[in-house]
Amino acid sequence: MFARVKKSGNHQYLQIVENRKEKGKVKQRVVATVGRMDRLQEKGRVETLIRSLSRFSEQTMLILSGKSDLAADAKKIGPVLIFERLWKETGIQAAIVRSLKGRRFEFNVERAIFLTVLHRLMVSGSDRFCHRWCRDYIIDGIDDLDLHHLYRAMGFLGEQIEDQDGATPFSPRCNKDLIEESIFSHRRDLFTHLDLVFFDTTSIYFEGRGGESIGQRGFSKDHRPDLPQMVVGAILDDKGQPICCEMWPGNTADVKTLLPIVKRLKTRFKIGRICIVADRGMISANTIKQLESKDSPIPYILGARMRKVKEIRDRVLSQPGRYKQVRPESYDRNKPAPLKVKQVEIDGNRYIVCVNTRQQRKDAADREAIVSALTKQLKKGPKSLVGNKGYRKYLKLEKNSACIDKDRIKYEARFDGKWVLRTNTDLPADQVALKYKELWQVEKVFRDVKSLLTTRPIFHQKDSTIRGHVFCSFLALVLRKELDRRLLKKGHRFEWAEIKQDLKALQRVTIEEDGWRLSIRSRSQGVCGKVFQCVGVALPATIQEA
């Protein structure tokens, strides 16, 4: 049965026609003539008839006209579909559910944490804004969540547990530690042991008091010594995947944290052998002494202070010997930087001197430009130069005059493009240098952490809530690095801003009329489709009944 238009004279008529077979032939029979088309269209009776008939259909049908009483709602689905899948496959969801066993909350804590983490990934803003932000997304299980539920979930993450075995002198064991250990156990089939771990720290300042005890004044890497702060340490494996994060009061010195962290890693993750890779800020004479203990030596690769350590400054850098080329120099800036290494042993200590020839030329050119400008400025008098830190390094002041310090220029030239490593491993010199260079990926991770922590100022009043707040950013980092890993495995390198924008552009528009609801998915644009493919998520149907 179908509708057709039949012309008769000067007018057209709308008819309902039925097909039927008679003696093997198909014949048409007019069931009804509805009326003249011009009159039906003039009064909108065609839409009225179709809308009336649609009530008897088992499928959703929307009849749009000027008289339609419609409600439309558009919500983003791209970020949720991707990170919900990663949330499960990285083991984070199962770890949180396991840590909640035996606890009775009147709200879904796991959903509150996921909402907070997703918010950290997608926007920079206060947690207070998160409750409004989520109205534009379709996220299962968050309808009954309020702002205070998010704060209570953070407090749960940073809450101390009864078993404090393995706690450091600076921080207690909390629920977040149990979750980290569970996530590590979930991924353990990917690597049976940790050959290398990379460790570095950063500081986060508070506008308010900074909790009960964690907010303290100390050396600020954010150049805000006037505000209380906390110290955050991140540990990564040699694949660049975050293992755990540590949090200490803001007055904790970096040199005091390395040994407790190494000991705690072995206890928490049941690691037999570990090689620690850390920056020069972690080194002290006592630290190295304990790392080289005869009872239980710990392999290490540590950056060394070239200018401040006399043995390195006067003996290691002066030691003769030929450099071995590890990476040749290339005019292609996208290729790895050039690298040459030389091994030096002084009094039983093993050092690796590394040189980047491209950086070596840059350092020399920068110094030459400063000295050239200084020569011109000297003609104006020495007083105008004293306050300039760049000039002051190469300036030699006497009673009534100033001149360029040529000895200082010669001294600084010794350090151009170089860095020195100290290690007690048996790895070849080139491998030591390459492993240390991987530490720079930790610095990139901290830049990512800083962007995820732009939820400052942090106004939480309790240490537990502050720890939970930072840990949510760490979980966001875990998800982001897992996505990066899967994209790289398929040969894709996309900017994070590009990924976010294209995922947010994927929306579901729901149209409702007279109790009928129809869902329409927007078109996948940009890198969105490739992200879905790499994560193994199928795009939803373009049109479906809601």
Protein backbone atom coordinates (compact mmCIF):
# COMPACT_ATOMS: atom_id res chain seq x y z
CA MET A 1 0.00 0.00 0.00
CA PHE A 2 1.32 3.42 -0.91
CA ALA A 3 0.31 7.01 -1.69
CA ARG A 4 0.30 8.58 -5.14
CA VAL A 5 -0.77 11.78 -6.87
CA LYS A 6 -3.32 11.43 -9.71
CA LYS A 7 -3.93 14.27 -12.15
CA SER A 8 -7.51 14.90 -13.26
CA GLY A 9 -8.27 17.96 -15.32
CA ASN A 10 -6.55 21.01 -13.88
CA HIS A 11 -6.12 19.50 -10.41
CA GLN A 12 -4.04 16.81 -8.67
CA TYR A 13 -5.52 14.40 -6.14
CA LEU A 14 -3.79 12.45 -3.35
CA GLN A 15 -4.79 8.79 -3.38
CA ILE A 16 -4.05 5.71 -1.31
CA VAL A 17 -3.43 2.77 -3.63
CA GLU A 18 -3.12 -0.96 -3.04
CA ASN A 19 -1.18 -3.44 -5.20
CA ARG A 20 -2.71 -6.88 -5.65
CA LYS A 21 -2.25 -9.87 -7.92
CA GLU A 22 -5.02 -11.07 -10.26
CA LYS A 23 -4.33 -14.08 -12.51
CA GLY A 24 -0.56 -13.63 -12.10
CA LYS A 25 -0.62 -9.93 -12.92
CA VAL A 26 -0.18 -7.00 -10.54
CA LYS A 27 -3.07 -4.58 -10.56
CA GLN A 28 -3.63 -1.36 -8.58
CA ARG A 29 -6.80 -0.56 -6.70
CA VAL A 30 -7.60 2.88 -5.30
CA VAL A 31 -8.45 2.39 -1.64
CA ALA A 32 -9.32 6.06 -1.01
CA THR A 33 -8.95 9.48 -2.52
CA VAL A 34 -7.84 11.81 0.29
CA GLY A 35 -8.49 15.09 -1.53
CA ARG A 36 -7.13 17.78 -3.80
CA MET A 37 -3.39 18.40 -3.21
CA ASP A 38 -3.60 22.19 -3.26
CA ARG A 39 -6.26 22.24 -0.54
CA LEU A 40 -4.52 19.58 1.58
CA GLN A 41 -1.19 21.45 1.46
CA GLU A 42 -2.81 24.80 2.13
CA LYS A 43 -4.26 23.59 5.45
CA GLY A 44 -1.38 21.26 6.45
CA ARG A 45 -3.62 18.20 6.37
CA VAL A 46 -0.95 15.91 4.82
CA GLU A 47 1.28 16.25 7.91
CA THR A 48 -1.74 15.78 10.18
CA LEU A 49 -2.67 12.55 8.41
CA ILE A 50 0.91 11.20 8.50
CA ARG A 51 1.30 12.10 12.19
CA SER A 52 -1.96 10.32 12.97
CA LEU A 53 -0.89 7.19 11.06
CA SER A 54 2.57 7.21 12.75
CA ARG A 55 0.91 6.31 16.08
CA PHE A 56 0.34 2.82 14.72
CA SER A 57 3.97 2.32 13.62
CA GLU A 58 6.36 0.17 15.68
CA GLN A 59 9.31 2.29 14.50
CA THR A 60 10.12 5.85 15.55
CA MET A 61 8.76 8.41 13.08
CA LEU A 62 9.13 12.16 13.39
CA ILE A 63 7.01 14.39 11.18
CA LEU A 64 8.56 17.85 11.01
CA SER A 65 6.49 20.87 10.10
CA GLY A 66 5.80 24.36 11.28
CA LYS A 67 3.28 22.97 13.75
CA SER A 68 5.64 20.32 15.18
CA ASP A 69 6.15 20.42 18.96
CA LEU A 70 9.78 19.26 19.12
CA ALA A 71 12.47 19.12 21.80
CA ALA A 72 16.11 18.72 20.71
CA ASP A 73 19.17 18.07 22.89
CA ALA A 74 22.81 17.82 21.70
CA LYS A 75 25.50 16.24 23.89
CA LYS A 76 29.13 15.26 23.33
CA ILE A 77 29.96 11.54 23.20
CA GLY A 78 33.48 11.29 21.70
CA PRO A 79 35.66 11.81 24.82
CA VAL A 80 33.45 9.57 26.98
CA LEU A 81 33.49 6.62 24.54
CA ILE A 82 37.29 6.73 24.21
CA PHE A 83 38.31 7.28 27.82
CA GLU A 84 35.61 5.01 29.26
CA ARG A 85 37.20 2.18 27.25
CA LEU A 86 40.72 3.11 28.41
CA TRP A 87 39.43 3.53 31.99
CA LYS A 88 38.43 -0.14 31.93
CA GLU A 89 41.30 -1.61 29.90
CA THR A 90 44.06 0.02 31.97
CA GLY A 91 42.54 -1.58 35.06
CA ILE A 92 41.72 1.73 36.75
CA GLN A 93 38.00 1.02 37.12
CA ALA A 94 38.57 -2.44 38.60
CA ALA A 95 41.26 -1.08 40.95
CA ILE A 96 38.94 1.59 42.34
CA VAL A 97 36.05 -0.86 42.75
CA ARG A 98 38.38 -3.26 44.56
CA SER A 99 39.59 -0.54 46.93
CA LEU A 100 35.95 0.31 47.76
CA LYS A 101 35.17 -3.23 48.90
CA GLY A 102 33.62 -3.13 52.35
CA ARG A 103 32.95 0.61 52.20
CA ARG A 104 29.41 1.95 52.13
CA PHE A 105 28.99 5.25 50.37
CA GLU A 106 25.57 6.59 49.46
CA PHE A 107 26.85 7.57 46.01
CA ASN A 108 28.89 5.94 43.23
CA VAL A 109 32.49 6.81 44.13
CA GLU A 110 33.96 5.20 41.00
CA ARG A 111 31.71 7.33 38.76
CA ALA A 112 32.62 10.48 40.71
CA ILE A 113 36.33 9.80 40.21
CA PHE A 114 35.87 9.06 36.50
CA LEU A 115 33.93 12.30 36.05
CA THR A 116 36.69 14.28 37.79
CA VAL A 117 39.44 12.62 35.73
CA LEU A 118 37.59 13.17 32.44
CA HIS A 119 37.10 16.83 33.35
CA ARG A 120 40.85 17.20 33.98
CA LEU A 121 41.58 15.70 30.58
CA MET A 122 39.23 17.84 28.53
CA VAL A 123 39.27 21.31 30.09
CA SER A 124 41.25 23.56 32.39
CA GLY A 125 39.00 24.74 35.14
CA SER A 126 38.02 24.47 38.75
CA ASP A 127 36.37 21.32 40.06
CA ARG A 128 33.48 23.60 40.97
CA PHE A 129 32.87 24.06 37.24
CA CYS A 130 32.90 20.28 36.65
CA HIS A 131 29.32 19.86 37.82
CA ARG A 132 28.08 22.24 35.10
CA TRP A 133 30.54 21.04 32.49
CA CYS A 134 29.21 17.47 32.60
CA ARG A 135 25.73 18.61 31.47
CA ASP A 136 27.11 18.74 27.90
CA TYR A 137 28.26 15.08 27.97
CA ILE A 138 26.55 11.70 28.05
CA ILE A 139 28.20 9.86 30.96
CA ASP A 140 26.59 6.82 32.53
CA GLY A 141 25.93 6.84 36.27
CA ILE A 142 26.51 10.50 37.11
CA ASP A 143 22.94 11.82 37.24
CA ASP A 144 22.78 11.79 41.05
CA LEU A 145 26.25 13.25 41.65
CA ASP A 146 26.70 16.70 43.21
CA LEU A 147 29.84 18.76 43.79
CA HIS A 148 30.27 17.57 47.37
CA HIS A 149 30.31 13.96 46.10
CA LEU A 150 33.36 14.79 43.94
CA TYR A 151 35.14 16.26 46.96
CA ARG A 152 34.31 13.23 49.09
CA ALA A 153 35.63 10.92 46.37
CA MET A 154 38.93 12.85 46.34
CA GLY A 155 39.05 12.58 50.12
CA PHE A 156 38.66 8.80 49.83
CA LEU A 157 41.61 8.57 47.41
CA GLY A 158 43.91 10.46 49.79
CA GLU A 159 42.65 8.77 52.95
CA GLN A 160 45.27 6.94 55.04
CA ILE A 161 44.95 3.17 55.37
CA GLU A 162 45.67 1.07 58.45
CA ASP A 163 48.64 -0.77 56.95
CA GLN A 164 51.47 1.77 56.91
CA ASP A 165 54.20 -0.74 56.08
CA GLY A 166 56.35 0.82 53.37
CA ALA A 167 55.34 4.43 54.04
CA THR A 168 58.08 7.04 53.56
CA PRO A 169 59.10 9.50 56.30
CA PHE A 170 57.36 12.22 54.24
CA SER A 171 54.03 10.63 53.27
CA PRO A 172 51.67 7.93 54.58
CA ARG A 173 50.19 5.03 52.64
CA CYS A 174 46.76 5.92 51.28
CA ASN A 175 43.98 4.38 49.21
CA LYS A 176 45.57 5.87 46.11
CA ASP A 177 48.64 3.66 46.73
CA LEU A 178 46.47 0.54 46.66
CA ILE A 179 44.95 1.67 43.36
CA GLU A 180 48.42 2.30 41.83
CA GLU A 181 49.60 -1.16 42.88
CA SER A 182 46.48 -2.78 41.45
CA ILE A 183 46.93 -0.94 38.11
CA PHE A 184 50.58 -2.05 37.99
CA SER A 185 49.54 -5.64 38.69
CA HIS A 186 46.97 -5.44 35.86
CA ARG A 187 49.67 -4.32 33.40
CA ARG A 188 52.33 -6.71 34.69
CA ASP A 189 51.83 -9.11 31.80
CA LEU A 190 53.28 -6.38 29.57
CA PHE A 191 56.59 -6.36 31.46
CA THR A 192 57.68 -8.94 34.01
CA HIS A 193 60.18 -6.65 35.73
CA LEU A 194 61.35 -3.05 35.75
CA ASP A 195 64.85 -2.62 34.35
CA LEU A 196 64.72 1.16 34.59
CA VAL A 197 62.59 3.68 36.41
CA PHE A 198 62.74 7.43 35.86
CA PHE A 199 62.15 9.77 38.76
CA ASP A 200 61.71 13.52 38.95
CA THR A 201 59.81 16.06 41.04
CA THR A 202 57.92 19.31 40.67
CA SER A 203 56.17 21.68 43.05
CA ILE A 204 52.56 22.90 43.15
CA TYR A 205 51.68 26.00 45.12
CA PHE A 206 48.49 26.82 47.01
CA GLU A 207 46.61 30.08 47.17
CA GLY A 208 45.14 29.06 50.53
CA ARG A 209 46.63 27.44 53.62
CA GLY A 210 47.51 24.21 51.84
CA GLY A 211 45.82 21.59 53.98
CA GLU A 212 46.69 20.56 57.50
CA SER A 213 50.39 19.79 57.01
CA ILE A 214 51.23 19.14 53.35
CA GLY A 215 51.39 22.83 52.41
CA GLN A 216 54.80 24.18 53.46
CA ARG A 217 57.17 26.84 52.18
CA GLY A 218 60.24 25.56 50.36
CA PHE A 219 62.23 25.89 47.15
CA SER A 220 59.57 26.79 44.57
CA LYS A 221 60.04 25.62 40.98
CA ASP A 222 57.07 27.86 40.14
CA HIS A 223 58.98 30.91 41.43
CA ARG A 224 56.39 31.54 44.14
CA PRO A 225 58.39 31.27 47.41
CA ASP A 226 55.79 33.49 49.08
CA LEU A 227 53.13 30.75 48.94
CA PRO A 228 52.90 27.33 50.64
CA GLN A 229 53.42 24.42 48.30
CA MET A 230 53.63 20.65 48.02
CA VAL A 231 56.18 18.49 46.19
CA VAL A 232 54.98 15.92 43.67
CA GLY A 233 57.21 13.15 42.38
CA ALA A 234 56.44 10.97 39.35
CA ILE A 235 57.93 7.57 38.56
CA LEU A 236 57.82 6.24 34.98
CA ASP A 237 58.94 2.97 33.46
CA ASP A 238 61.31 2.77 30.48
CA LYS A 239 58.31 2.81 28.11
CA GLY A 240 57.23 6.21 29.41
CA GLN A 241 54.19 4.83 31.24
CA PRO A 242 53.43 6.36 34.67
CA ILE A 243 53.84 3.88 37.53
CA CYS A 244 52.94 5.99 40.55
CA CYS A 245 53.11 9.46 42.02
CA GLU A 246 54.37 10.57 45.41
CA MET A 247 53.38 13.65 47.41
CA TRP A 248 55.31 15.35 50.18
CA PRO A 249 55.21 18.59 52.18
CA GLY A 250 56.59 21.57 50.29
CA ASN A 251 59.75 21.85 52.40
CA THR A 252 61.02 18.35 51.51
CA ALA A 253 64.38 18.51 49.71
CA ASP A 254 64.79 16.43 46.55
CA VAL A 255 68.03 14.83 47.78
CA LYS A 256 66.15 13.26 50.70
CA THR A 257 63.49 11.57 48.61
CA LEU A 258 65.42 9.32 46.23
CA LEU A 259 66.43 6.53 48.62
CA PRO A 260 63.04 6.20 50.35
CA ILE A 261 61.37 6.09 46.93
CA VAL A 262 63.68 3.30 45.67
CA LYS A 263 63.05 1.27 48.82
CA ARG A 264 59.31 1.85 48.60
CA LEU A 265 59.18 0.84 44.92
CA LYS A 266 60.66 -2.55 45.72
CA THR A 267 58.22 -3.10 48.57
CA ARG A 268 55.09 -1.88 46.80
CA PHE A 269 55.58 -3.51 43.41
CA LYS A 270 57.60 -6.60 44.42
CA ILE A 271 60.53 -5.61 42.20
CA GLY A 272 63.76 -7.55 42.63
CA ARG A 273 66.19 -5.53 40.50
CA ILE A 274 65.82 -1.87 39.65
CA CYS A 275 68.01 0.76 38.03
CA ILE A 276 67.16 4.32 39.03
CA VAL A 277 67.60 7.16 36.54
CA ALA A 278 67.39 10.62 38.10
CA ASP A 279 68.52 14.19 37.57
CA ARG A 280 71.40 15.98 39.26
CA GLY A 281 69.09 17.58 41.82
CA MET A 282 68.63 14.17 43.48
CA ILE A 283 72.33 13.66 44.22
CA SER A 284 74.11 14.10 47.52
CA ALA A 285 77.26 12.44 48.83
CA ASN A 286 75.20 10.45 51.34
CA THR A 287 72.77 9.32 48.62
CA ILE A 288 75.53 7.93 46.41
CA LYS A 289 77.19 6.28 49.40
CA GLN A 290 73.99 4.39 50.22
CA LEU A 291 73.31 3.51 46.57
CA GLU A 292 76.77 1.94 46.39
CA SER A 293 76.38 0.07 49.67
CA LYS A 294 78.17 -3.31 49.60
CA ASP A 295 75.24 -5.00 51.32
CA SER A 296 72.60 -4.08 48.74
CA PRO A 297 73.95 -1.89 45.92
CA ILE A 298 71.35 -0.24 43.71
CA PRO A 299 72.21 0.36 40.03
CA TYR A 300 71.88 4.02 39.11
CA ILE A 301 72.40 6.54 36.33
CA LEU A 302 72.54 10.03 37.77
CA GLY A 303 73.14 13.40 36.22
CA ALA A 304 76.15 15.20 37.74
CA ARG A 305 76.79 18.85 38.49
CA MET A 306 79.67 19.81 36.21
CA ARG A 307 80.46 23.21 37.68
CA LYS A 308 79.87 22.54 41.38
CA VAL A 309 81.61 19.18 41.81
CA LYS A 310 85.37 19.75 41.92
CA GLU A 311 86.27 16.23 40.80
CA ILE A 312 84.17 16.61 37.66
CA ARG A 313 85.10 20.20 36.92
CA ASP A 314 88.86 19.80 37.36
CA ARG A 315 89.55 16.16 36.52
CA VAL A 316 86.76 14.49 34.57
CA LEU A 317 86.35 17.21 31.94
CA SER A 318 90.15 17.55 31.62
CA GLN A 319 90.73 13.84 31.09
CA PRO A 320 92.07 13.13 27.57
CA GLY A 321 90.44 10.55 25.34
CA ARG A 322 88.49 10.14 22.12
CA TYR A 323 84.73 10.47 21.91
CA LYS A 324 82.59 7.71 20.42
CA GLN A 325 79.86 8.82 18.05
CA VAL A 326 76.44 7.51 19.07
CA ARG A 327 74.19 9.59 16.83
CA PRO A 328 75.52 11.48 13.80
CA GLU A 329 74.58 15.09 13.15
CA SER A 330 71.81 15.65 10.63
CA TYR A 331 70.30 18.70 8.97
CA ASP A 332 66.85 17.18 9.59
CA ARG A 333 65.62 18.76 12.83
CA ASN A 334 63.06 15.99 13.28
CA LYS A 335 65.80 13.40 13.77
CA PRO A 336 67.38 12.82 17.22
CA ALA A 337 70.03 15.31 18.33
CA PRO A 338 73.68 14.36 17.67
CA LEU A 339 75.48 12.62 20.50
CA LYS A 340 79.06 11.64 21.32
CA VAL A 341 80.25 9.96 24.54
CA LYS A 342 83.48 9.32 26.40
CA GLN A 343 84.02 7.17 29.49
CA VAL A 344 86.22 8.47 32.32
CA GLU A 345 87.14 6.64 35.54
CA ILE A 346 88.42 8.66 38.49
CA ASP A 347 89.25 6.98 41.83
CA GLY A 348 86.96 4.05 41.06
CA ASN A 349 84.04 6.27 40.03
CA ARG A 350 82.66 5.82 36.52
CA TYR A 351 81.65 8.95 34.59
CA ILE A 352 80.23 9.34 31.08
CA VAL A 353 80.95 12.67 29.37
CA CYS A 354 78.32 13.43 26.71
CA VAL A 355 78.47 16.06 23.95
CA ASN A 356 75.79 17.42 21.65
CA THR A 357 77.76 19.13 18.85
CA ARG A 358 74.73 21.13 17.69
CA GLN A 359 74.16 22.48 21.21
CA GLN A 360 77.90 23.06 21.54
CA ARG A 361 77.85 25.48 18.60
CA LYS A 362 74.73 27.20 19.92
CA ASP A 363 76.28 27.73 23.37
CA ALA A 364 79.40 29.20 21.80
CA ALA A 365 77.36 31.49 19.51
CA ASP A 366 75.20 32.69 22.42
CA ARG A 367 78.26 33.51 24.49
CA GLU A 368 79.89 35.30 21.56
CA ALA A 369 76.76 37.44 21.12
CA ILE A 370 76.76 38.35 24.82
CA VAL A 371 80.45 39.27 24.79
CA SER A 372 79.99 41.32 21.60
CA ALA A 373 77.10 43.25 23.16
CA LEU A 374 79.09 43.64 26.38
CA THR A 375 82.00 45.18 24.49
CA LYS A 376 79.67 47.87 23.12
CA GLN A 377 78.04 48.50 26.49
CA LEU A 378 81.39 48.94 28.23
CA LYS A 379 81.86 52.18 26.33
CA LYS A 380 78.85 53.61 28.20
CA GLY A 381 80.37 52.90 31.60
CA PRO A 382 80.43 49.90 33.97
CA LYS A 383 77.52 50.99 36.21
CA SER A 384 74.89 50.13 33.60
CA LEU A 385 76.18 46.55 33.39
CA VAL A 386 76.28 45.43 37.01
CA GLY A 387 72.55 44.64 37.23
CA ASN A 388 72.54 42.54 34.05
CA LYS A 389 73.04 38.90 35.04
CA GLY A 390 74.02 37.79 31.53
CA TYR A 391 76.70 40.45 31.28
CA ARG A 392 77.91 40.12 34.86
CA LYS A 393 79.17 36.58 34.31
CA TYR A 394 81.81 37.80 31.81
CA LEU A 395 82.57 41.11 33.53
CA LYS A 396 85.72 41.72 35.54
CA LEU A 397 85.39 44.67 37.89
CA GLU A 398 88.34 46.65 39.21
CA LYS A 399 88.53 49.83 41.30
CA ASN A 400 87.51 52.41 38.75
CA SER A 401 87.00 50.36 35.63
CA ALA A 402 85.55 47.19 34.16
CA CYS A 403 86.76 44.87 31.43
CA ILE A 404 85.86 41.55 29.82
CA ASP A 405 87.03 38.53 31.81
CA LYS A 406 88.79 36.41 29.18
CA ASP A 407 89.60 33.67 31.68
CA ARG A 408 85.91 33.32 32.45
CA ILE A 409 85.09 33.00 28.73
CA LYS A 410 87.68 30.25 28.38
CA TYR A 411 86.33 28.53 31.51
CA GLU A 412 82.70 28.54 30.30
CA ALA A 413 83.71 27.21 26.86
CA ARG A 414 84.68 23.92 28.53
CA PHE A 415 81.01 23.19 29.29
CA ASP A 416 79.53 23.96 25.85
CA GLY A 417 77.03 21.28 24.78
CA LYS A 418 78.19 18.86 27.49
CA TRP A 419 76.66 17.00 30.37
CA VAL A 420 78.21 14.43 32.68
CA LEU A 421 76.64 11.25 34.09
CA ARG A 422 77.72 9.11 37.00
CA THR A 423 76.81 5.43 37.05
CA ASN A 424 77.68 2.16 38.77
CA THR A 425 76.10 -0.01 36.04
CA ASP A 426 77.92 -2.26 33.56
CA LEU A 427 76.05 -0.78 30.61
CA PRO A 428 78.17 0.52 27.70
CA ALA A 429 78.77 4.27 27.74
CA ASP A 430 76.47 4.92 24.79
CA GLN A 431 73.61 3.00 26.42
CA VAL A 432 74.04 4.94 29.66
CA ALA A 433 73.74 8.22 27.75
CA LEU A 434 70.70 7.11 25.77
CA LYS A 435 68.93 5.83 28.89
CA TYR A 436 69.54 9.12 30.67
CA LYS A 437 68.19 11.06 27.71
CA GLU A 438 64.95 9.13 28.17
CA LEU A 439 64.64 10.92 31.51
CA TRP A 440 63.76 14.01 29.50
CA GLN A 441 60.45 12.37 28.69
CA VAL A 442 59.70 12.67 32.42
CA GLU A 443 60.15 16.42 32.10
CA LYS A 444 57.60 16.35 29.27
CA VAL A 445 55.29 14.35 31.52
CA PHE A 446 55.58 17.05 34.16
CA ARG A 447 54.65 19.66 31.58
CA ASP A 448 51.57 17.54 30.91
CA VAL A 449 50.94 17.25 34.66
CA LYS A 450 51.18 21.02 35.02
CA SER A 451 48.58 21.49 32.30
CA LEU A 452 46.33 18.92 33.97
CA LEU A 453 46.83 20.66 37.30
CA THR A 454 45.68 24.03 36.02
CA THR A 455 42.70 23.45 38.27
CA ARG A 456 44.58 25.71 40.68
CA PRO A 457 44.07 27.47 42.94
CA ILE A 458 43.55 24.44 45.19
CA PHE A 459 41.27 25.44 48.04
CA HIS A 460 40.91 22.04 49.74
CA GLN A 461 41.39 22.24 53.49
CA LYS A 462 42.42 18.63 54.24
CA ASP A 463 45.59 16.77 53.26
CA SER A 464 43.56 13.73 52.16
CA THR A 465 41.46 15.80 49.72
CA ILE A 466 44.59 17.52 48.35
CA ARG A 467 46.27 14.15 47.74
CA GLY A 468 43.10 12.90 46.02
CA HIS A 469 42.94 16.07 43.91
CA VAL A 470 46.49 15.54 42.62
CA PHE A 471 45.96 11.80 42.15
CA CYS A 472 42.99 12.46 39.85
CA SER A 473 45.38 14.42 37.63
CA PHE A 474 47.79 11.47 37.76
CA LEU A 475 45.01 9.11 36.60
CA ALA A 476 44.23 11.54 33.78
CA LEU A 477 47.91 11.34 32.83
CA VAL A 478 47.77 7.53 32.81
CA LEU A 479 44.83 7.62 30.38
CA ARG A 480 46.46 10.19 28.15
CA LYS A 481 49.75 8.27 27.97
CA GLU A 482 47.89 5.05 27.19
CA LEU A 483 46.11 6.80 24.32
CA ASP A 484 49.45 8.18 23.08
CA ARG A 485 50.93 4.66 23.22
CA ARG A 486 48.12 3.18 21.14
CA LEU A 487 48.26 5.97 18.57
CA LEU A 488 52.04 5.64 18.26
CA LYS A 489 51.70 1.89 17.82
CA LYS A 490 49.62 2.62 14.69
CA GLY A 491 52.10 5.25 13.50
CA HIS A 492 50.04 8.34 14.44
CA ARG A 493 51.38 11.48 16.10
CA PHE A 494 48.57 13.94 16.83
CA GLU A 495 48.60 17.11 18.88
CA TRP A 496 46.67 16.77 22.13
CA ALA A 497 44.63 19.92 21.38
CA GLU A 498 43.71 18.42 18.00
CA ILE A 499 42.54 15.16 19.59
CA LYS A 500 40.40 16.95 22.17
CA GLN A 501 38.76 19.25 19.65
CA ASP A 502 37.83 16.48 17.22
CA LEU A 503 36.55 14.16 19.96
CA LYS A 504 34.36 16.93 21.39
CA ALA A 505 32.93 17.58 17.92
CA LEU A 506 31.38 14.09 17.91
CA GLN A 507 27.89 14.62 19.33
CA ARG A 508 24.58 12.86 19.66
CA VAL A 509 21.49 14.92 18.89
CA THR A 510 18.27 13.58 20.40
CA ILE A 511 14.96 14.81 18.93
CA GLU A 512 11.70 14.14 20.75
CA GLU A 513 8.11 14.62 19.59
CA ASP A 514 4.95 13.27 21.21
CA GLY A 515 6.87 10.65 23.16
CA TRP A 516 8.91 9.48 20.15
CA ARG A 517 12.69 9.92 20.45
CA LEU A 518 15.25 9.68 17.66
CA SER A 519 19.02 9.87 18.14
CA ILE A 520 21.30 11.20 15.39
CA ARG A 521 25.11 11.07 15.57
CA SER A 522 27.12 13.91 14.07
CA ARG A 523 29.77 13.19 11.46
CA SER A 524 33.25 12.08 12.55
CA GLN A 525 35.75 14.79 11.65
CA GLY A 526 39.53 15.29 11.69
CA VAL A 527 41.49 12.68 13.65
CA CYS A 528 38.42 11.42 15.53
CA GLY A 529 37.94 8.31 13.39
CA LYS A 530 41.60 7.26 13.71
CA VAL A 531 41.49 7.68 17.48
CA PHE A 532 38.42 5.43 17.68
CA GLN A 533 40.14 2.87 15.46
CA CYS A 534 43.34 2.80 17.54
CA VAL A 535 41.44 2.38 20.81
CA GLY A 536 39.20 -0.31 19.30
CA VAL A 537 35.88 1.49 19.77
CA ALA A 538 33.20 1.36 17.08
CA LEU A 539 31.47 4.59 16.13
CA PRO A 540 27.78 4.55 17.15
CA ALA A 541 25.12 4.19 14.45
CA THR A 542 24.31 7.39 12.61
CA ILE A 543 20.57 7.12 13.37
CA GLN A 544 19.00 5.02 16.09
CA GLU A 545 15.88 4.94 18.18
CA ALA A 546 16.48 6.39 21.63
